[in-house]
Amino acid sequence: MLFIFTFNRYILMNVNIEYKQPSGSLGQYISHYIVAEVLIPDISGESLNHLQISMPDGALEMHFSYENTTVKFGFNNSGFHTYRSAIIGINDLGNALSQTSLRRSHKCIVVKFKYQGFYEIFGIPVNEFSDKIYETEDVLGPQVNTLHDQLDNAFNNKERIECIEQFMMAQLKSDHKHSYRVDRCIKAVGIINECHGNINLPALAEKLDISERPVQRDFKTITGMTPKQFCKIARFHCFIQSLNRNNLYNGSDLVSRFEYYDQSHMIREFKKATTMTPEWYLKNKGKKVFTIANMLIFPDDHQFNSKMCQDLVSEGGKNLPGYLK
């Protein structure tokens, strides 16, 4: 848990972020929960004009707001819409998810699924959500309203997570087990991650001892993307983790290590996912851009200060459990 207070010309703000593990059998399907509360006073129509980008990581999310707050999302920093709760589909490297302009206190619990988790709980092909955002009620029906009422009336975040878990368990059959297709998909994800994304479909199919067509079909149904798209995401995350560990930019070395075609290809893919070049990111990380898990934070210079963001990253890093790294 972390608490940060900052005072500037207009705003006294309290930020609380907690990472929680799922309980019991839900650990097979859900990676973790993020409880985020940004508490700000009435600022008379002004907004915290920071930009927050969730870098594509191949995992579907559900966002549940509570206590009369909403979330404002859009892809590629455009087309923003407001949601009470939302299903955030898998987005590829060229479709960055953005969240911006907080005008009032914001309270939300994020459910971060494992790659196959949403499909297994709800039985809905995940590719139907690719590069899309849906109001949760539009997909799962009016039963979601009951969950919203429970979240609003809960005494604390522990109770709220319990409400969400009861909702998830009600969707999951008690005798549910991995199907062969799902097990094969999980194995494919492991192979791709071990190769840092540098494997083609024929080689992947050979390792799985099956033809290419069912690999392509099942992977997209269960995870929401093709193996090729997931390979790009896996390689990108290895790349940005390398940048986070280093402060020197050597383009040719990075191209060779991560098997990009050339520097233009590498820069283009990085810019699609982050809105900036790798070199700019290296020069400005911890100054104008901050990374927490898979999120990039670009604070407004007039409303935030770099010391606050550095504390947020430092304390958040201490609280990130090992399965997030």
Protein backbone atom coordinates (compact mmCIF):
# COMPACT_ATOMS: atom_id res chain seq x y z
CA MET A 1 0.00 0.00 0.00
CA LEU A 2 1.24 3.53 -0.62
CA PHE A 3 0.03 6.97 0.30
CA ILE A 4 1.32 10.10 -1.41
CA PHE A 5 0.40 13.68 -0.64
CA THR A 6 1.34 16.59 -2.85
CA PHE A 7 0.44 20.25 -2.65
CA ASN A 8 0.75 22.69 -5.53
CA ARG A 9 -1.06 25.79 -6.66
CA TYR A 10 -4.44 24.13 -6.68
CA ILE A 11 -4.52 20.60 -5.40
CA LEU A 12 -3.99 18.51 -2.30
CA MET A 13 -4.12 14.93 -3.55
CA ASN A 14 -4.04 11.55 -1.84
CA VAL A 15 -3.14 8.50 -3.95
CA ASN A 16 -3.59 4.97 -2.65
CA ILE A 17 -2.67 1.93 -4.76
CA GLU A 18 -2.88 -1.66 -3.54
CA TYR A 19 -2.05 -4.91 -5.36
CA LYS A 20 -3.99 -7.96 -4.22
CA GLN A 21 -3.82 -11.62 -5.17
CA PRO A 22 -6.98 -13.60 -5.97
CA SER A 23 -8.11 -16.21 -3.50
CA GLY A 24 -8.62 -19.94 -3.95
CA SER A 25 -9.28 -21.38 -7.39
CA LEU A 26 -9.60 -17.92 -8.96
CA GLY A 27 -5.80 -17.83 -8.98
CA GLN A 28 -6.00 -20.05 -12.07
CA TYR A 29 -7.79 -17.33 -14.01
CA ILE A 30 -6.92 -13.95 -12.44
CA SER A 31 -3.39 -12.60 -12.16
CA HIS A 32 -4.08 -9.86 -9.59
CA TYR A 33 -6.31 -6.99 -8.54
CA ILE A 34 -5.32 -3.33 -8.45
CA VAL A 35 -7.25 -1.10 -6.05
CA ALA A 36 -6.64 2.52 -7.06
CA GLU A 37 -8.00 5.55 -5.24
CA VAL A 38 -7.10 9.08 -6.32
CA LEU A 39 -8.70 11.46 -3.83
CA ILE A 40 -8.81 15.10 -4.86
CA PRO A 41 -10.95 18.04 -3.70
CA ASP A 42 -13.51 19.86 -5.80
CA ILE A 43 -11.38 21.75 -8.31
CA SER A 44 -14.18 23.74 -9.95
CA GLY A 45 -14.06 22.18 -13.38
CA GLU A 46 -10.28 22.00 -13.66
CA SER A 47 -8.72 18.66 -14.47
CA LEU A 48 -5.53 16.80 -13.71
CA ASN A 49 -4.33 16.77 -17.29
CA HIS A 50 -1.92 13.93 -16.91
CA LEU A 51 -1.84 11.18 -19.50
CA GLN A 52 -1.76 7.54 -18.43
CA ILE A 53 -1.04 4.88 -21.04
CA SER A 54 -1.44 1.17 -20.41
CA MET A 55 1.16 -0.55 -22.55
CA PRO A 56 -0.27 -3.61 -24.34
CA ASP A 57 0.60 -6.75 -22.37
CA GLY A 58 -1.76 -9.34 -23.85
CA ALA A 59 -4.03 -9.54 -20.80
CA LEU A 60 -7.70 -8.51 -20.68
CA GLU A 61 -8.86 -6.21 -17.86
CA MET A 62 -12.14 -5.36 -16.16
CA HIS A 63 -12.48 -2.03 -14.34
CA PHE A 64 -15.12 -1.56 -11.62
CA SER A 65 -15.64 1.95 -10.30
CA TYR A 66 -17.42 2.53 -7.01
CA GLU A 67 -18.87 5.28 -4.83
CA ASN A 68 -20.24 7.31 -7.73
CA THR A 69 -17.03 7.55 -9.75
CA THR A 70 -16.42 6.71 -13.38
CA VAL A 71 -13.48 5.94 -15.66
CA LYS A 72 -12.63 7.77 -18.88
CA PHE A 73 -10.86 5.66 -21.52
CA GLY A 74 -9.83 5.90 -25.14
CA PHE A 75 -7.46 4.25 -27.58
CA ASN A 76 -4.54 6.16 -29.09
CA ASN A 77 -5.32 9.25 -26.96
CA SER A 78 -8.58 9.92 -28.79
CA GLY A 79 -12.26 9.02 -28.73
CA PHE A 80 -12.57 9.07 -24.95
CA HIS A 81 -15.77 7.73 -23.37
CA THR A 82 -16.88 7.51 -19.74
CA TYR A 83 -17.71 4.15 -18.15
CA ARG A 84 -19.00 3.10 -14.75
CA SER A 85 -17.34 -0.26 -15.30
CA ALA A 86 -15.61 -1.53 -18.41
CA ILE A 87 -14.19 -4.57 -20.14
CA ILE A 88 -10.92 -3.53 -21.73
CA GLY A 89 -10.18 -5.84 -24.64
CA ILE A 90 -6.77 -6.96 -25.80
CA ASN A 91 -5.07 -4.18 -27.72
CA ASP A 92 -2.04 -4.63 -29.95
CA LEU A 93 1.09 -2.47 -30.04
CA GLY A 94 -0.46 0.02 -32.43
CA ASN A 95 -3.48 0.76 -30.23
CA ALA A 96 -2.41 2.20 -26.88
CA LEU A 97 -5.05 2.50 -24.15
CA SER A 98 -5.14 5.94 -22.54
CA GLN A 99 -6.80 7.43 -19.49
CA THR A 100 -6.76 11.16 -18.86
CA SER A 101 -8.38 14.26 -17.35
CA LEU A 102 -9.35 13.38 -13.79
CA ARG A 103 -11.84 16.02 -12.65
CA ARG A 104 -12.79 14.51 -9.33
CA SER A 105 -11.92 11.69 -6.96
CA HIS A 106 -11.51 8.37 -8.69
CA LYS A 107 -12.02 4.95 -7.06
CA CYS A 108 -11.63 1.76 -9.03
CA ILE A 109 -10.75 -1.93 -8.75
CA VAL A 110 -9.02 -3.44 -11.77
CA VAL A 111 -9.25 -7.18 -12.39
CA LYS A 112 -6.22 -8.27 -14.37
CA PHE A 113 -6.89 -11.66 -15.95
CA LYS A 114 -4.40 -14.29 -16.93
CA TYR A 115 -4.18 -14.77 -20.69
CA GLN A 116 -6.88 -17.46 -20.78
CA GLY A 117 -8.75 -16.39 -17.63
CA PHE A 118 -11.63 -14.32 -19.01
CA TYR A 119 -12.46 -16.99 -21.57
CA GLU A 120 -12.53 -19.71 -18.94
CA ILE A 121 -14.71 -17.79 -16.48
CA PHE A 122 -17.24 -16.31 -18.89
CA GLY A 123 -16.96 -18.64 -21.89
CA ILE A 124 -16.91 -15.70 -24.32
CA PRO A 125 -14.33 -15.72 -27.18
CA VAL A 126 -11.87 -13.02 -26.18
CA ASN A 127 -11.24 -11.96 -29.80
CA GLU A 128 -14.70 -10.33 -29.70
CA PHE A 129 -13.17 -7.65 -27.45
CA SER A 130 -9.96 -7.05 -29.42
CA ASP A 131 -9.13 -3.32 -29.56
CA LYS A 132 -12.52 -2.48 -28.03
CA ILE A 133 -13.92 -1.18 -24.73
CA TYR A 134 -17.38 -2.21 -23.55
CA GLU A 135 -19.56 -1.14 -20.67
CA THR A 136 -19.66 -4.29 -18.52
CA GLU A 137 -23.45 -4.34 -18.26
CA ASP A 138 -23.77 -4.39 -22.07
CA VAL A 139 -21.86 -7.69 -22.15
CA LEU A 140 -22.81 -9.46 -18.93
CA GLY A 141 -26.31 -8.10 -18.39
CA PRO A 142 -28.15 -6.30 -15.56
CA GLN A 143 -26.66 -8.60 -12.89
CA VAL A 144 -23.67 -6.23 -12.99
CA ASN A 145 -25.85 -3.55 -11.37
CA THR A 146 -26.20 -5.72 -8.27
CA LEU A 147 -22.41 -5.93 -8.08
CA HIS A 148 -22.15 -2.14 -8.38
CA ASP A 149 -24.54 -1.74 -5.45
CA GLN A 150 -22.47 -4.16 -3.39
CA LEU A 151 -19.26 -2.26 -4.19
CA ASP A 152 -20.84 1.06 -3.25
CA ASN A 153 -22.17 -0.27 0.06
CA ALA A 154 -19.08 -2.24 1.11
CA PHE A 155 -17.23 -0.99 4.21
CA ASN A 156 -13.71 -1.46 2.81
CA ASN A 157 -11.72 -2.72 -0.16
CA LYS A 158 -11.38 -6.21 1.31
CA GLU A 159 -15.16 -6.54 1.17
CA ARG A 160 -15.23 -5.10 -2.35
CA ILE A 161 -12.78 -7.69 -3.64
CA GLU A 162 -14.84 -10.39 -1.94
CA CYS A 163 -17.92 -9.12 -3.81
CA ILE A 164 -16.05 -9.24 -7.12
CA GLU A 165 -14.79 -12.74 -6.39
CA GLN A 166 -18.30 -13.96 -5.55
CA PHE A 167 -19.45 -12.50 -8.87
CA MET A 168 -16.64 -14.29 -10.73
CA MET A 169 -17.28 -17.61 -8.99
CA ALA A 170 -20.97 -17.41 -9.90
CA GLN A 171 -19.95 -17.30 -13.57
CA LEU A 172 -17.54 -20.21 -13.20
CA LYS A 173 -18.93 -23.75 -13.09
CA SER A 174 -17.82 -25.70 -10.04
CA ASP A 175 -16.67 -28.64 -12.17
CA HIS A 176 -14.75 -26.45 -14.58
CA LYS A 177 -11.41 -27.77 -15.77
CA HIS A 178 -8.92 -26.73 -18.42
CA SER A 179 -9.86 -28.10 -21.82
CA TYR A 180 -7.19 -29.49 -24.09
CA ARG A 181 -7.43 -26.35 -26.22
CA VAL A 182 -6.86 -24.09 -23.21
CA ASP A 183 -3.93 -26.18 -21.92
CA ARG A 184 -2.35 -26.02 -25.36
CA CYS A 185 -2.83 -22.25 -25.46
CA ILE A 186 -1.18 -21.85 -22.03
CA LYS A 187 1.73 -23.94 -23.29
CA ALA A 188 2.02 -21.75 -26.40
CA VAL A 189 2.14 -18.61 -24.24
CA GLY A 190 4.97 -20.16 -22.22
CA ILE A 191 6.95 -21.02 -25.36
CA ILE A 192 6.53 -17.50 -26.78
CA ASN A 193 7.63 -15.87 -23.52
CA GLU A 194 10.67 -18.15 -23.25
CA CYS A 195 11.67 -17.08 -26.78
CA HIS A 196 11.07 -13.39 -25.91
CA GLY A 197 8.58 -13.31 -28.79
CA ASN A 198 11.09 -14.36 -31.43
CA ILE A 199 9.35 -17.42 -32.85
CA ASN A 200 7.19 -17.81 -35.95
CA LEU A 201 3.94 -19.74 -36.31
CA PRO A 202 5.42 -22.82 -38.05
CA ALA A 203 8.05 -23.22 -35.33
CA LEU A 204 5.43 -22.72 -32.60
CA ALA A 205 3.11 -25.30 -34.18
CA GLU A 206 6.00 -27.76 -34.42
CA LYS A 207 6.79 -27.36 -30.72
CA LEU A 208 3.12 -27.96 -29.91
CA ASP A 209 3.05 -30.96 -32.28
CA ILE A 210 -0.03 -29.71 -34.13
CA SER A 211 -0.78 -28.01 -37.43
CA GLU A 212 -0.75 -24.21 -37.73
CA ARG A 213 -4.47 -23.63 -38.34
CA PRO A 214 -5.83 -24.87 -34.98
CA VAL A 215 -3.01 -23.08 -33.16
CA GLN A 216 -3.98 -19.81 -34.84
CA ARG A 217 -7.73 -20.33 -34.32
CA ASP A 218 -7.64 -21.46 -30.69
CA PHE A 219 -5.02 -18.93 -29.59
CA LYS A 220 -7.11 -16.05 -30.94
CA THR A 221 -10.35 -17.36 -29.41
CA ILE A 222 -8.86 -17.90 -25.96
CA THR A 223 -6.44 -14.95 -25.66
CA GLY A 224 -7.97 -12.44 -28.08
CA MET A 225 -4.96 -12.14 -30.39
CA THR A 226 -3.00 -14.12 -32.93
CA PRO A 227 0.31 -15.76 -31.97
CA LYS A 228 2.08 -13.19 -34.15
CA GLN A 229 0.49 -10.29 -32.26
CA PHE A 230 1.37 -11.87 -28.92
CA CYS A 231 4.97 -12.40 -30.09
CA LYS A 232 5.28 -8.68 -30.81
CA ILE A 233 3.94 -7.82 -27.36
CA ALA A 234 6.26 -10.31 -25.64
CA ARG A 235 9.29 -8.92 -27.48
CA PHE A 236 8.25 -5.34 -26.70
CA HIS A 237 8.04 -6.03 -22.96
CA CYS A 238 11.47 -7.67 -22.93
CA PHE A 239 12.74 -4.60 -24.78
CA ILE A 240 11.29 -2.03 -22.37
CA GLN A 241 12.45 -4.05 -19.35
CA SER A 242 15.95 -3.85 -20.80
CA LEU A 243 15.63 -0.07 -21.14
CA ASN A 244 14.45 0.17 -17.53
CA ARG A 245 17.62 -1.61 -16.39
CA ASN A 246 19.97 0.59 -18.42
CA ASN A 247 20.66 4.26 -19.03
CA LEU A 248 22.71 4.11 -22.24
CA TYR A 249 21.07 3.89 -25.65
CA ASN A 250 22.77 1.66 -28.22
CA GLY A 251 20.35 1.25 -31.12
CA SER A 252 22.30 -1.30 -33.13
CA ASP A 253 22.86 -3.49 -30.06
CA LEU A 254 19.16 -3.41 -29.19
CA VAL A 255 18.17 -4.27 -32.77
CA SER A 256 20.46 -7.30 -32.72
CA ARG A 257 19.48 -8.47 -29.24
CA PHE A 258 15.72 -8.31 -29.82
CA GLU A 259 15.85 -9.35 -33.49
CA TYR A 260 14.20 -6.33 -35.08
CA TYR A 261 14.72 -5.82 -38.81
CA ASP A 262 16.51 -2.50 -38.28
CA GLN A 263 16.44 0.57 -36.04
CA SER A 264 13.51 2.11 -37.92
CA HIS A 265 11.45 -1.01 -37.29
CA MET A 266 12.39 -1.04 -33.60
CA ILE A 267 11.63 2.67 -33.09
CA ARG A 268 8.33 2.43 -34.98
CA GLU A 269 7.02 -0.43 -32.84
CA PHE A 270 8.13 1.23 -29.61
CA LYS A 271 6.53 4.52 -30.58
CA LYS A 272 3.22 2.85 -31.44
CA ALA A 273 2.99 1.35 -27.96
CA THR A 274 4.31 4.31 -25.95
CA THR A 275 3.93 7.48 -28.13
CA MET A 276 7.71 8.14 -27.84
CA THR A 277 11.04 6.88 -29.13
CA PRO A 278 13.25 4.54 -27.06
CA GLU A 279 15.96 7.20 -26.89
CA TRP A 280 13.55 9.85 -25.55
CA TYR A 281 12.21 7.36 -23.01
CA LEU A 282 15.71 6.60 -21.73
CA LYS A 283 16.56 10.29 -21.37
CA ASN A 284 13.31 11.20 -19.62
CA LYS A 285 12.34 8.21 -17.49
CA GLY A 286 12.02 9.34 -13.89
CA LYS A 287 11.70 12.95 -15.07
CA LYS A 288 8.87 13.40 -17.58
CA VAL A 289 7.64 9.82 -17.79
CA PHE A 290 7.24 7.22 -15.04
CA THR A 291 6.54 3.50 -15.24
CA ILE A 292 4.41 1.48 -12.80
CA ALA A 293 3.83 -2.14 -13.84
CA ASN A 294 2.57 -1.85 -17.45
CA MET A 295 1.50 1.80 -17.09
CA LEU A 296 3.29 4.90 -18.33
CA ILE A 297 2.47 8.13 -16.46
CA PHE A 298 3.06 11.52 -18.11
CA PRO A 299 2.27 14.07 -15.38
CA ASP A 300 1.35 17.67 -16.08
CA ASP A 301 4.30 19.85 -15.00
CA HIS A 302 2.00 22.46 -13.44
CA GLN A 303 0.02 20.05 -11.29
CA PHE A 304 2.45 17.30 -10.33
CA ASN A 305 6.06 17.34 -9.26
CA SER A 306 8.74 14.83 -10.18
CA LYS A 307 9.55 14.04 -6.54
CA MET A 308 5.97 12.87 -6.00
CA CYS A 309 6.13 10.62 -9.07
CA GLN A 310 9.52 9.23 -8.06
CA ASP A 311 8.12 8.34 -4.65
CA LEU A 312 5.12 6.72 -6.33
CA VAL A 313 7.32 4.55 -8.54
CA SER A 314 9.72 3.71 -5.70
CA GLU A 315 7.03 2.76 -3.20
CA GLY A 316 4.92 1.03 -5.85
CA GLY A 317 7.91 -1.05 -6.88
CA LYS A 318 8.36 -2.23 -3.30
CA ASN A 319 4.75 -3.32 -3.16
CA LEU A 320 4.57 -5.05 -6.52
CA PRO A 321 4.42 -8.79 -5.87
CA GLY A 322 6.85 -11.03 -7.70
CA TYR A 323 4.26 -12.32 -10.16
CA LEU A 324 3.93 -8.81 -11.62
CA LYS A 325 7.57 -8.56 -12.59
